[in-house]
Amino acid sequence: MAQAVRQPTRPPGDDLTKRGGGVVSDRVFWLLTLGAGLLILAILALILYTTLRGAWPVFGAEGLNFFTSSRWVPNDPDGTGPRTEEFGALAYIYGTVIVSIIAMLIAVPLSVGIALFLTELAPPRVRAVAVTVLDLLAAIPSVVFGLWGILVLAQAILPAYRFAHNTVGRVPVLGALFGEPRNSGLTFMTAGIIVACMITPIVTSITREVFATVPTADKQAALALGATRWEMIRGAVFPHSFGGVVGAVMLGLGRALGETIAISLVIGSSVQIVPNLFESGHALPAVIVQQWNESSGTYQAALLACGVLLFVVTVLINYAAQVIVRRAERRMRGATA
């Protein structure tokens, strides 16, 4: 006997009209998300265009001298001669880079270590308390960190600066980096420490969430094969979460590059390029916030140019991070193939 061909039955409530409605909803959702993404790009392009147009007079007046000179003279210093203007942002660029490097060297290892401890070693009660504290630290305003730095840290850390100078001051390279500390304590190093305190909770929170996404089966498989805990972390946790950790580091670096109030309070506001990390300096965001109210004309254009430079550097850093992550993912796929 030939068996009767059964027609597939639709589940109750499954109606073609409802399916069509679902397709329309998906289409509307896709258009909304696409529009949101394009809107963000349009806003960024508008910000870049507006600031670049405002900064163009100083680029026309100074040219490459804006990037290669450290002489920043809004007008005649003593007020006796004719008004002259000269704007070179190299000292501010140098200060921004130095403070960011110090902050990242302190914050990244500390953040990764805390995240590993919370995800792999900490008891549940300790983990809950530590996560709460990290969230509270991330919510503290930057001006509070700056005030703490200028009122407490700047003087409290001076003995450590002097000890480092007395210990390695005669070593050729280290002696230049850890030279005679400034008595005020307002230095590149102090600013870097303050920024590190600010970005550590952010980098730690994101890194901890990334580490928590590693499949438990992968970690258990590594341990079952005889790997130690560190070998399991190196072989299972780090490869799986590399992209997320790089993203967290780049987010922290962006915060370090753009910090204004805290850096302006503790860096010392000296326009100079010196290798001594215990000397005072200046930074791009700090000079913008300190001098904007008294600026006009080409002077204001120079401050806008500092903002354009920060914007471009941030975009380039994020693009470099994407390239690094893509290359690492390709290597991982090639190694597992």
C-alpha atoms as a PDB file:
ATOM      1  CA  MET A   1       0.000   0.000   0.000  1.00  0.00           C
ATOM      2  CA  ALA A   2       1.160   3.351  -0.871  1.00  0.00           C
ATOM      3  CA  GLN A   3       1.485   5.565   2.109  1.00  0.00           C
ATOM      4  CA  ALA A   4      -0.439   8.762   2.060  1.00  0.00           C
ATOM      5  CA  VAL A   5       1.687  11.864   1.825  1.00  0.00           C
ATOM      6  CA  ARG A   6       1.223  13.904   4.936  1.00  0.00           C
ATOM      7  CA  GLN A   7       1.006  17.634   4.588  1.00  0.00           C
ATOM      8  CA  PRO A   8       3.107  19.507   7.142  1.00  0.00           C
ATOM      9  CA  THR A   9       0.949  21.074   9.761  1.00  0.00           C
ATOM     10  CA  ARG A  10       1.609  24.565  11.039  1.00  0.00           C
ATOM     11  CA  PRO A  11       1.712  25.077  14.777  1.00  0.00           C
ATOM     12  CA  PRO A  12      -1.324  26.712  16.323  1.00  0.00           C
ATOM     13  CA  GLY A  13      -1.359  30.465  15.937  1.00  0.00           C
ATOM     14  CA  ASP A  14       1.194  30.398  13.107  1.00  0.00           C
ATOM     15  CA  ASP A  15      -0.377  32.596  10.504  1.00  0.00           C
ATOM     16  CA  LEU A  16       1.142  33.840   7.267  1.00  0.00           C
ATOM     17  CA  THR A  17      -0.076  37.299   8.063  1.00  0.00           C
ATOM     18  CA  LYS A  18       1.813  37.234  11.357  1.00  0.00           C
ATOM     19  CA  ARG A  19       4.894  35.989   9.552  1.00  0.00           C
ATOM     20  CA  GLY A  20       4.647  38.913   7.201  1.00  0.00           C
ATOM     21  CA  GLY A  21       4.350  41.219  10.176  1.00  0.00           C
ATOM     22  CA  GLY A  22       7.510  39.697  11.610  1.00  0.00           C
ATOM     23  CA  VAL A  23       9.383  40.364   8.371  1.00  0.00           C
ATOM     24  CA  VAL A  24       8.207  43.955   8.395  1.00  0.00           C
ATOM     25  CA  SER A  25       9.277  44.358  12.019  1.00  0.00           C
ATOM     26  CA  ASP A  26      12.717  42.950  11.225  1.00  0.00           C
ATOM     27  CA  ARG A  27      13.013  45.321   8.306  1.00  0.00           C
ATOM     28  CA  VAL A  28      12.013  48.322  10.426  1.00  0.00           C
ATOM     29  CA  PHE A  29      14.465  47.289  13.162  1.00  0.00           C
ATOM     30  CA  TRP A  30      17.264  46.949  10.593  1.00  0.00           C
ATOM     31  CA  LEU A  31      16.511  50.407   9.206  1.00  0.00           C
ATOM     32  CA  LEU A  32      16.464  51.933  12.690  1.00  0.00           C
ATOM     33  CA  THR A  33      19.807  50.415  13.643  1.00  0.00           C
ATOM     34  CA  LEU A  34      21.312  51.445  10.322  1.00  0.00           C
ATOM     35  CA  GLY A  35      20.022  54.973  10.812  1.00  0.00           C
ATOM     36  CA  ALA A  36      21.457  55.106  14.343  1.00  0.00           C
ATOM     37  CA  GLY A  37      24.868  54.008  13.085  1.00  0.00           C
ATOM     38  CA  LEU A  38      24.838  56.515  10.245  1.00  0.00           C
ATOM     39  CA  LEU A  39      23.702  59.246  12.632  1.00  0.00           C
ATOM     40  CA  ILE A  40      26.709  58.614  14.874  1.00  0.00           C
ATOM     41  CA  LEU A  41      29.041  58.813  11.881  1.00  0.00           C
ATOM     42  CA  ALA A  42      27.342  62.007  10.725  1.00  0.00           C
ATOM     43  CA  ILE A  43      27.721  63.600  14.169  1.00  0.00           C
ATOM     44  CA  LEU A  44      31.416  62.663  14.313  1.00  0.00           C
ATOM     45  CA  ALA A  45      31.952  64.049  10.803  1.00  0.00           C
ATOM     46  CA  LEU A  46      30.145  67.260  11.772  1.00  0.00           C
ATOM     47  CA  ILE A  47      32.275  67.652  14.907  1.00  0.00           C
ATOM     48  CA  LEU A  48      35.449  67.146  12.880  1.00  0.00           C
ATOM     49  CA  TYR A  49      34.315  69.586  10.179  1.00  0.00           C
ATOM     50  CA  THR A  50      33.298  72.286  12.679  1.00  0.00           C
ATOM     51  CA  THR A  51      36.467  72.097  14.753  1.00  0.00           C
ATOM     52  CA  LEU A  52      38.688  71.836  11.685  1.00  0.00           C
ATOM     53  CA  ARG A  53      37.062  74.897  10.141  1.00  0.00           C
ATOM     54  CA  GLY A  54      37.584  76.834  13.376  1.00  0.00           C
ATOM     55  CA  ALA A  55      41.203  75.671  13.630  1.00  0.00           C
ATOM     56  CA  TRP A  56      42.123  76.354  10.025  1.00  0.00           C
ATOM     57  CA  PRO A  57      43.478  79.909  10.622  1.00  0.00           C
ATOM     58  CA  VAL A  58      46.244  78.627  12.899  1.00  0.00           C
ATOM     59  CA  PHE A  59      47.151  75.860  10.440  1.00  0.00           C
ATOM     60  CA  GLY A  60      47.413  78.504   7.732  1.00  0.00           C
ATOM     61  CA  ALA A  61      49.499  80.801   9.914  1.00  0.00           C
ATOM     62  CA  GLU A  62      51.810  78.236  11.516  1.00  0.00           C
ATOM     63  CA  GLY A  63      51.802  75.301   9.103  1.00  0.00           C
ATOM     64  CA  LEU A  64      53.915  72.377  10.291  1.00  0.00           C
ATOM     65  CA  ASN A  65      55.420  74.660  12.925  1.00  0.00           C
ATOM     66  CA  PHE A  66      52.298  74.008  14.990  1.00  0.00           C
ATOM     67  CA  PHE A  67      53.373  70.366  15.376  1.00  0.00           C
ATOM     68  CA  THR A  68      57.151  70.847  15.559  1.00  0.00           C
ATOM     69  CA  SER A  69      57.546  73.894  17.800  1.00  0.00           C
ATOM     70  CA  SER A  70      57.044  74.145  21.544  1.00  0.00           C
ATOM     71  CA  ARG A  71      56.857  77.947  21.628  1.00  0.00           C
ATOM     72  CA  TRP A  72      53.342  79.014  22.680  1.00  0.00           C
ATOM     73  CA  VAL A  73      53.042  82.833  22.793  1.00  0.00           C
ATOM     74  CA  PRO A  74      49.494  84.214  22.471  1.00  0.00           C
ATOM     75  CA  ASN A  75      50.821  87.799  22.574  1.00  0.00           C
ATOM     76  CA  ASP A  76      53.853  89.881  23.522  1.00  0.00           C
ATOM     77  CA  PRO A  77      55.069  88.484  26.894  1.00  0.00           C
ATOM     78  CA  ASP A  78      55.870  91.811  28.611  1.00  0.00           C
ATOM     79  CA  GLY A  79      53.299  93.911  26.815  1.00  0.00           C
ATOM     80  CA  THR A  80      55.868  96.507  25.626  1.00  0.00           C
ATOM     81  CA  GLY A  81      56.269  95.483  22.018  1.00  0.00           C
ATOM     82  CA  PRO A  82      53.859  94.965  19.143  1.00  0.00           C
ATOM     83  CA  ARG A  83      51.415  92.135  19.469  1.00  0.00           C
ATOM     84  CA  THR A  84      52.929  88.889  18.199  1.00  0.00           C
ATOM     85  CA  GLU A  85      51.432  85.437  18.192  1.00  0.00           C
ATOM     86  CA  GLU A  86      53.182  82.109  17.893  1.00  0.00           C
ATOM     87  CA  PHE A  87      51.602  78.740  18.523  1.00  0.00           C
ATOM     88  CA  GLY A  88      53.525  75.492  18.733  1.00  0.00           C
ATOM     89  CA  ALA A  89      51.815  72.528  20.407  1.00  0.00           C
ATOM     90  CA  LEU A  90      54.745  70.107  20.568  1.00  0.00           C
ATOM     91  CA  ALA A  91      55.176  70.506  24.339  1.00  0.00           C
ATOM     92  CA  TYR A  92      51.475  69.811  24.900  1.00  0.00           C
ATOM     93  CA  ILE A  93      51.599  66.783  22.599  1.00  0.00           C
ATOM     94  CA  TYR A  94      54.637  65.512  24.485  1.00  0.00           C
ATOM     95  CA  GLY A  95      52.940  65.929  27.858  1.00  0.00           C
ATOM     96  CA  THR A  96      49.788  64.159  26.683  1.00  0.00           C
ATOM     97  CA  VAL A  97      51.777  61.209  25.358  1.00  0.00           C
ATOM     98  CA  ILE A  98      53.965  60.904  28.468  1.00  0.00           C
ATOM     99  CA  VAL A  99      51.036  61.042  30.888  1.00  0.00           C
ATOM    100  CA  SER A 100      49.100  58.480  28.828  1.00  0.00           C
ATOM    101  CA  ILE A 101      52.068  56.093  28.675  1.00  0.00           C
ATOM    102  CA  ILE A 102      52.615  56.306  32.434  1.00  0.00           C
ATOM    103  CA  ALA A 103      48.919  55.736  33.092  1.00  0.00           C
ATOM    104  CA  MET A 104      48.708  52.734  30.770  1.00  0.00           C
ATOM    105  CA  LEU A 105      51.882  51.132  32.142  1.00  0.00           C
ATOM    106  CA  ILE A 106      50.376  51.287  35.621  1.00  0.00           C
ATOM    107  CA  ALA A 107      46.709  50.610  34.867  1.00  0.00           C
ATOM    108  CA  VAL A 108      46.793  47.789  32.288  1.00  0.00           C
ATOM    109  CA  PRO A 109      48.761  45.146  34.266  1.00  0.00           C
ATOM    110  CA  LEU A 110      46.877  46.083  37.429  1.00  0.00           C
ATOM    111  CA  SER A 111      43.500  45.881  35.693  1.00  0.00           C
ATOM    112  CA  VAL A 112      44.216  42.534  34.026  1.00  0.00           C
ATOM    113  CA  GLY A 113      45.493  41.098  37.310  1.00  0.00           C
ATOM    114  CA  ILE A 114      42.423  42.252  39.242  1.00  0.00           C
ATOM    115  CA  ALA A 115      40.114  40.907  36.535  1.00  0.00           C
ATOM    116  CA  LEU A 116      41.838  37.512  36.578  1.00  0.00           C
ATOM    117  CA  PHE A 117      41.649  37.376  40.359  1.00  0.00           C
ATOM    118  CA  LEU A 118      37.930  38.195  40.369  1.00  0.00           C
ATOM    119  CA  THR A 119      37.040  35.676  37.652  1.00  0.00           C
ATOM    120  CA  GLU A 120      39.367  32.792  38.536  1.00  0.00           C
ATOM    121  CA  LEU A 121      40.391  32.963  42.193  1.00  0.00           C
ATOM    122  CA  ALA A 122      38.212  35.215  44.319  1.00  0.00           C
ATOM    123  CA  PRO A 123      35.515  33.687  46.566  1.00  0.00           C
ATOM    124  CA  PRO A 124      31.969  34.818  45.737  1.00  0.00           C
ATOM    125  CA  ARG A 125      31.704  37.198  48.704  1.00  0.00           C
ATOM    126  CA  VAL A 126      35.020  38.868  47.949  1.00  0.00           C
ATOM    127  CA  ARG A 127      34.056  39.100  44.277  1.00  0.00           C
ATOM    128  CA  ALA A 128      30.766  40.830  45.064  1.00  0.00           C
ATOM    129  CA  VAL A 129      32.417  43.411  47.338  1.00  0.00           C
ATOM    130  CA  ALA A 130      35.264  44.074  44.878  1.00  0.00           C
ATOM    131  CA  VAL A 131      32.895  44.543  41.934  1.00  0.00           C
ATOM    132  CA  THR A 132      30.831  47.033  43.948  1.00  0.00           C
ATOM    133  CA  VAL A 133      33.937  49.005  44.910  1.00  0.00           C
ATOM    134  CA  LEU A 134      35.138  49.077  41.287  1.00  0.00           C
ATOM    135  CA  ASP A 135      31.774  50.353  40.091  1.00  0.00           C
ATOM    136  CA  LEU A 136      31.848  53.100  42.726  1.00  0.00           C
ATOM    137  CA  LEU A 137      35.384  54.119  41.757  1.00  0.00           C
ATOM    138  CA  ALA A 138      34.396  54.350  38.101  1.00  0.00           C
ATOM    139  CA  ALA A 139      31.592  56.758  39.024  1.00  0.00           C
ATOM    140  CA  ILE A 140      33.803  59.240  40.927  1.00  0.00           C
ATOM    141  CA  PRO A 141      34.102  62.573  39.027  1.00  0.00           C
ATOM    142  CA  SER A 142      37.515  63.435  37.634  1.00  0.00           C
ATOM    143  CA  VAL A 143      37.686  66.689  39.611  1.00  0.00           C
ATOM    144  CA  VAL A 144      37.626  64.654  42.841  1.00  0.00           C
ATOM    145  CA  PHE A 145      40.662  62.674  41.669  1.00  0.00           C
ATOM    146  CA  GLY A 146      42.356  65.927  40.728  1.00  0.00           C
ATOM    147  CA  LEU A 147      41.699  67.542  44.101  1.00  0.00           C
ATOM    148  CA  TRP A 148      42.925  64.436  45.909  1.00  0.00           C
ATOM    149  CA  GLY A 149      46.029  64.481  43.756  1.00  0.00           C
ATOM    150  CA  ILE A 150      46.891  68.134  44.401  1.00  0.00           C
ATOM    151  CA  LEU A 151      45.993  68.125  48.109  1.00  0.00           C
ATOM    152  CA  VAL A 152      47.203  64.675  49.201  1.00  0.00           C
ATOM    153  CA  LEU A 153      49.167  62.664  46.643  1.00  0.00           C
ATOM    154  CA  ALA A 154      51.467  65.408  45.334  1.00  0.00           C
ATOM    155  CA  GLN A 155      53.176  65.920  48.699  1.00  0.00           C
ATOM    156  CA  ALA A 156      52.778  62.390  50.048  1.00  0.00           C
ATOM    157  CA  ILE A 157      54.607  60.843  47.106  1.00  0.00           C
ATOM    158  CA  LEU A 158      57.571  63.242  47.118  1.00  0.00           C
ATOM    159  CA  PRO A 159      59.711  60.950  49.357  1.00  0.00           C
ATOM    160  CA  ALA A 160      59.230  58.124  46.848  1.00  0.00           C
ATOM    161  CA  TYR A 161      60.335  60.441  44.024  1.00  0.00           C
ATOM    162  CA  ARG A 162      63.437  61.457  45.969  1.00  0.00           C
ATOM    163  CA  PHE A 163      64.229  57.842  46.805  1.00  0.00           C
ATOM    164  CA  ALA A 164      63.977  56.849  43.131  1.00  0.00           C
ATOM    165  CA  HIS A 165      66.197  59.765  42.144  1.00  0.00           C
ATOM    166  CA  ASN A 166      68.813  58.962  44.785  1.00  0.00           C
ATOM    167  CA  THR A 167      68.790  55.272  43.835  1.00  0.00           C
ATOM    168  CA  VAL A 168      69.064  55.445  40.040  1.00  0.00           C
ATOM    169  CA  GLY A 169      70.018  59.072  39.495  1.00  0.00           C
ATOM    170  CA  ARG A 170      73.535  58.188  38.326  1.00  0.00           C
ATOM    171  CA  VAL A 171      72.454  55.485  35.887  1.00  0.00           C
ATOM    172  CA  PRO A 172      72.733  56.988  32.366  1.00  0.00           C
ATOM    173  CA  VAL A 173      69.196  56.442  31.037  1.00  0.00           C
ATOM    174  CA  LEU A 174      67.285  56.012  34.286  1.00  0.00           C
ATOM    175  CA  GLY A 175      68.963  59.100  35.702  1.00  0.00           C
ATOM    176  CA  ALA A 176      67.436  61.197  32.943  1.00  0.00           C
ATOM    177  CA  LEU A 177      63.974  59.716  33.491  1.00  0.00           C
ATOM    178  CA  PHE A 178      64.035  59.920  37.289  1.00  0.00           C
ATOM    179  CA  GLY A 179      65.823  63.224  37.793  1.00  0.00           C
ATOM    180  CA  GLU A 180      65.580  65.791  40.568  1.00  0.00           C
ATOM    181  CA  PRO A 181      61.887  65.948  41.604  1.00  0.00           C
ATOM    182  CA  ARG A 182      60.018  69.219  41.718  1.00  0.00           C
ATOM    183  CA  ASN A 183      59.191  70.264  45.283  1.00  0.00           C
ATOM    184  CA  SER A 184      55.539  70.923  44.487  1.00  0.00           C
ATOM    185  CA  GLY A 185      54.977  67.294  43.452  1.00  0.00           C
ATOM    186  CA  LEU A 186      52.995  68.484  40.423  1.00  0.00           C
ATOM    187  CA  THR A 187      54.717  66.439  37.737  1.00  0.00           C
ATOM    188  CA  PHE A 188      54.232  64.166  34.741  1.00  0.00           C
ATOM    189  CA  MET A 189      54.433  61.159  37.067  1.00  0.00           C
ATOM    190  CA  THR A 190      51.783  62.494  39.444  1.00  0.00           C
ATOM    191  CA  ALA A 191      49.438  63.179  36.547  1.00  0.00           C
ATOM    192  CA  GLY A 192      50.059  59.693  35.166  1.00  0.00           C
ATOM    193  CA  ILE A 193      49.320  58.079  38.536  1.00  0.00           C
ATOM    194  CA  ILE A 194      46.076  60.040  38.896  1.00  0.00           C
ATOM    195  CA  VAL A 195      44.933  59.084  35.391  1.00  0.00           C
ATOM    196  CA  ALA A 196      45.854  55.451  36.103  1.00  0.00           C
ATOM    197  CA  CYS A 197      43.638  55.549  39.208  1.00  0.00           C
ATOM    198  CA  MET A 198      40.819  56.890  37.041  1.00  0.00           C
ATOM    199  CA  ILE A 199      41.004  54.370  34.211  1.00  0.00           C
ATOM    200  CA  THR A 200      41.796  51.243  36.258  1.00  0.00           C
ATOM    201  CA  PRO A 201      38.150  50.657  37.333  1.00  0.00           C
ATOM    202  CA  ILE A 202      36.932  51.050  33.740  1.00  0.00           C
ATOM    203  CA  VAL A 203      39.510  48.721  32.188  1.00  0.00           C
ATOM    204  CA  THR A 204      39.054  46.216  35.030  1.00  0.00           C
ATOM    205  CA  SER A 205      35.268  46.093  34.700  1.00  0.00           C
ATOM    206  CA  ILE A 206      35.337  45.512  30.948  1.00  0.00           C
ATOM    207  CA  THR A 207      38.178  42.986  31.156  1.00  0.00           C
ATOM    208  CA  ARG A 208      36.372  41.082  33.902  1.00  0.00           C
ATOM    209  CA  GLU A 209      33.237  40.835  31.765  1.00  0.00           C
ATOM    210  CA  VAL A 210      35.323  39.619  28.830  1.00  0.00           C
ATOM    211  CA  PHE A 211      37.057  36.961  30.931  1.00  0.00           C
ATOM    212  CA  ALA A 212      33.667  35.794  32.206  1.00  0.00           C
ATOM    213  CA  THR A 213      32.598  34.935  28.631  1.00  0.00           C
ATOM    214  CA  VAL A 214      35.291  32.251  28.261  1.00  0.00           C
ATOM    215  CA  PRO A 215      33.490  28.867  28.022  1.00  0.00           C
ATOM    216  CA  THR A 216      33.847  26.817  31.167  1.00  0.00           C
ATOM    217  CA  ALA A 217      34.324  23.706  29.041  1.00  0.00           C
ATOM    218  CA  ASP A 218      37.503  25.160  27.519  1.00  0.00           C
ATOM    219  CA  LYS A 219      39.003  25.872  30.926  1.00  0.00           C
ATOM    220  CA  GLN A 220      38.020  22.477  32.303  1.00  0.00           C
ATOM    221  CA  ALA A 221      39.454  20.736  29.252  1.00  0.00           C
ATOM    222  CA  ALA A 222      42.793  22.485  29.740  1.00  0.00           C
ATOM    223  CA  LEU A 223      42.879  21.511  33.405  1.00  0.00           C
ATOM    224  CA  ALA A 224      41.892  17.939  32.565  1.00  0.00           C
ATOM    225  CA  LEU A 225      44.871  17.675  30.218  1.00  0.00           C
ATOM    226  CA  GLY A 226      47.182  18.438  33.104  1.00  0.00           C
ATOM    227  CA  ALA A 227      47.658  22.183  32.626  1.00  0.00           C
ATOM    228  CA  THR A 228      48.363  24.324  35.658  1.00  0.00           C
ATOM    229  CA  ARG A 229      46.060  27.223  36.432  1.00  0.00           C
ATOM    230  CA  TRP A 230      48.427  29.705  34.788  1.00  0.00           C
ATOM    231  CA  GLU A 231      48.794  27.471  31.717  1.00  0.00           C
ATOM    232  CA  MET A 232      45.006  27.251  31.527  1.00  0.00           C
ATOM    233  CA  ILE A 233      44.735  31.052  31.664  1.00  0.00           C
ATOM    234  CA  ARG A 234      47.442  31.482  29.043  1.00  0.00           C
ATOM    235  CA  GLY A 235      46.090  28.801  26.719  1.00  0.00           C
ATOM    236  CA  ALA A 236      42.317  29.154  27.125  1.00  0.00           C
ATOM    237  CA  VAL A 237      41.421  32.499  28.697  1.00  0.00           C
ATOM    238  CA  PHE A 238      43.785  34.924  26.966  1.00  0.00           C
ATOM    239  CA  PRO A 239      43.293  33.703  23.362  1.00  0.00           C
ATOM    240  CA  HIS A 240      39.508  33.706  23.703  1.00  0.00           C
ATOM    241  CA  SER A 241      39.339  37.203  25.236  1.00  0.00           C
ATOM    242  CA  PHE A 242      42.189  38.963  23.416  1.00  0.00           C
ATOM    243  CA  GLY A 243      39.943  41.196  21.325  1.00  0.00           C
ATOM    244  CA  GLY A 244      37.868  42.280  24.295  1.00  0.00           C
ATOM    245  CA  VAL A 245      40.937  43.061  26.393  1.00  0.00           C
ATOM    246  CA  VAL A 246      42.387  45.177  23.587  1.00  0.00           C
ATOM    247  CA  GLY A 247      39.081  47.029  23.371  1.00  0.00           C
ATOM    248  CA  ALA A 248      39.140  47.685  27.116  1.00  0.00           C
ATOM    249  CA  VAL A 249      42.717  48.961  26.915  1.00  0.00           C
ATOM    250  CA  MET A 250      41.850  51.254  24.016  1.00  0.00           C
ATOM    251  CA  LEU A 251      38.873  52.628  25.930  1.00  0.00           C
ATOM    252  CA  GLY A 252      41.153  53.356  28.869  1.00  0.00           C
ATOM    253  CA  LEU A 253      43.710  54.979  26.568  1.00  0.00           C
ATOM    254  CA  GLY A 254      41.008  57.185  25.092  1.00  0.00           C
ATOM    255  CA  ARG A 255      40.046  58.288  28.589  1.00  0.00           C
ATOM    256  CA  ALA A 256      43.703  58.963  29.411  1.00  0.00           C
ATOM    257  CA  LEU A 257      44.247  61.043  26.272  1.00  0.00           C
ATOM    258  CA  GLY A 258      41.130  63.145  26.770  1.00  0.00           C
ATOM    259  CA  GLU A 259      41.236  63.749  30.530  1.00  0.00           C
ATOM    260  CA  THR A 260      41.179  67.474  31.322  1.00  0.00           C
ATOM    261  CA  ILE A 261      40.401  68.661  34.856  1.00  0.00           C
ATOM    262  CA  ALA A 262      42.430  66.101  36.805  1.00  0.00           C
ATOM    263  CA  ILE A 263      45.512  66.542  34.600  1.00  0.00           C
ATOM    264  CA  SER A 264      45.272  70.336  34.643  1.00  0.00           C
ATOM    265  CA  LEU A 265      45.327  70.295  38.452  1.00  0.00           C
ATOM    266  CA  VAL A 266      48.325  67.987  38.991  1.00  0.00           C
ATOM    267  CA  ILE A 267      50.639  68.310  35.975  1.00  0.00           C
ATOM    268  CA  GLY A 268      52.135  71.680  36.916  1.00  0.00           C
ATOM    269  CA  SER A 269      51.281  73.680  33.751  1.00  0.00           C
ATOM    270  CA  SER A 270      54.862  74.207  32.553  1.00  0.00           C
ATOM    271  CA  VAL A 271      55.338  74.377  28.783  1.00  0.00           C
ATOM    272  CA  GLN A 272      58.517  72.344  28.389  1.00  0.00           C
ATOM    273  CA  ILE A 273      59.879  69.123  26.914  1.00  0.00           C
ATOM    274  CA  VAL A 274      62.108  67.326  29.411  1.00  0.00           C
ATOM    275  CA  PRO A 275      62.898  63.618  29.902  1.00  0.00           C
ATOM    276  CA  ASN A 276      62.566  63.970  33.696  1.00  0.00           C
ATOM    277  CA  LEU A 277      59.262  62.402  34.733  1.00  0.00           C
ATOM    278  CA  PHE A 278      59.481  64.234  38.062  1.00  0.00           C
ATOM    279  CA  GLU A 279      59.274  67.624  36.348  1.00  0.00           C
ATOM    280  CA  SER A 280      56.120  69.588  35.623  1.00  0.00           C
ATOM    281  CA  GLY A 281      54.637  69.861  32.145  1.00  0.00           C
ATOM    282  CA  HIS A 282      51.420  70.435  30.257  1.00  0.00           C
ATOM    283  CA  ALA A 283      48.950  68.517  28.077  1.00  0.00           C
ATOM    284  CA  LEU A 284      46.565  69.183  25.194  1.00  0.00           C
ATOM    285  CA  PRO A 285      43.253  68.814  27.088  1.00  0.00           C
ATOM    286  CA  ALA A 286      44.581  70.833  30.032  1.00  0.00           C
ATOM    287  CA  VAL A 287      45.643  73.807  27.922  1.00  0.00           C
ATOM    288  CA  ILE A 288      42.223  73.890  26.242  1.00  0.00           C
ATOM    289  CA  VAL A 289      40.292  73.999  29.501  1.00  0.00           C
ATOM    290  CA  GLN A 290      42.681  76.496  31.142  1.00  0.00           C
ATOM    291  CA  GLN A 291      42.997  79.035  28.326  1.00  0.00           C
ATOM    292  CA  TRP A 292      39.706  78.860  26.424  1.00  0.00           C
ATOM    293  CA  ASN A 293      37.954  81.730  28.254  1.00  0.00           C
ATOM    294  CA  GLU A 294      40.729  84.213  27.504  1.00  0.00           C
ATOM    295  CA  SER A 295      41.195  83.203  23.861  1.00  0.00           C
ATOM    296  CA  SER A 296      39.976  84.824  20.662  1.00  0.00           C
ATOM    297  CA  GLY A 297      40.898  84.909  16.996  1.00  0.00           C
ATOM    298  CA  THR A 298      43.961  82.874  16.095  1.00  0.00           C
ATOM    299  CA  TYR A 299      44.502  82.063  19.776  1.00  0.00           C
ATOM    300  CA  GLN A 300      41.126  80.320  19.916  1.00  0.00           C
ATOM    301  CA  ALA A 301      41.856  78.615  16.603  1.00  0.00           C
ATOM    302  CA  ALA A 302      45.067  77.200  18.128  1.00  0.00           C
ATOM    303  CA  LEU A 303      43.084  75.690  20.997  1.00  0.00           C
ATOM    304  CA  LEU A 304      40.599  74.228  18.530  1.00  0.00           C
ATOM    305  CA  ALA A 305      43.554  72.760  16.635  1.00  0.00           C
ATOM    306  CA  CYS A 306      44.588  70.991  19.837  1.00  0.00           C
ATOM    307  CA  GLY A 307      41.109  69.475  19.967  1.00  0.00           C
ATOM    308  CA  VAL A 308      41.326  68.378  16.330  1.00  0.00           C
ATOM    309  CA  LEU A 309      44.664  66.728  17.062  1.00  0.00           C
ATOM    310  CA  LEU A 310      43.177  64.808  19.983  1.00  0.00           C
ATOM    311  CA  PHE A 311      40.240  63.712  17.820  1.00  0.00           C
ATOM    312  CA  VAL A 312      42.489  62.442  15.019  1.00  0.00           C
ATOM    313  CA  VAL A 313      44.831  60.635  17.427  1.00  0.00           C
ATOM    314  CA  THR A 314      41.879  58.887  19.097  1.00  0.00           C
ATOM    315  CA  VAL A 315      40.511  57.718  15.740  1.00  0.00           C
ATOM    316  CA  LEU A 316      43.930  56.421  14.657  1.00  0.00           C
ATOM    317  CA  ILE A 317      44.410  54.550  17.939  1.00  0.00           C
ATOM    318  CA  ASN A 318      41.027  52.850  17.608  1.00  0.00           C
ATOM    319  CA  TYR A 319      41.789  51.900  14.000  1.00  0.00           C
ATOM    320  CA  ALA A 320      45.167  50.467  15.063  1.00  0.00           C
ATOM    321  CA  ALA A 321      43.411  48.443  17.767  1.00  0.00           C
ATOM    322  CA  GLN A 322      41.030  46.954  15.195  1.00  0.00           C
ATOM    323  CA  VAL A 323      43.971  45.992  12.981  1.00  0.00           C
ATOM    324  CA  ILE A 324      45.727  44.312  15.920  1.00  0.00           C
ATOM    325  CA  VAL A 325      42.622  42.349  16.869  1.00  0.00           C
ATOM    326  CA  ARG A 326      42.001  41.189  13.291  1.00  0.00           C
ATOM    327  CA  ARG A 327      45.579  39.981  12.879  1.00  0.00           C
ATOM    328  CA  ALA A 328      45.425  38.129  16.197  1.00  0.00           C
ATOM    329  CA  GLU A 329      42.148  36.458  15.208  1.00  0.00           C
ATOM    330  CA  ARG A 330      43.632  35.369  11.865  1.00  0.00           C
ATOM    331  CA  ARG A 331      46.641  33.860  13.653  1.00  0.00           C
ATOM    332  CA  MET A 332      44.384  32.035  16.069  1.00  0.00           C
ATOM    333  CA  ARG A 333      42.284  30.600  13.238  1.00  0.00           C
ATOM    334  CA  GLY A 334      45.438  29.535  11.421  1.00  0.00           C
ATOM    335  CA  ALA A 335      46.810  27.870  14.546  1.00  0.00           C
ATOM    336  CA  THR A 336      43.596  25.905  15.142  1.00  0.00           C
ATOM    337  CA  ALA A 337      43.129  24.892  11.512  1.00  0.00           C
END
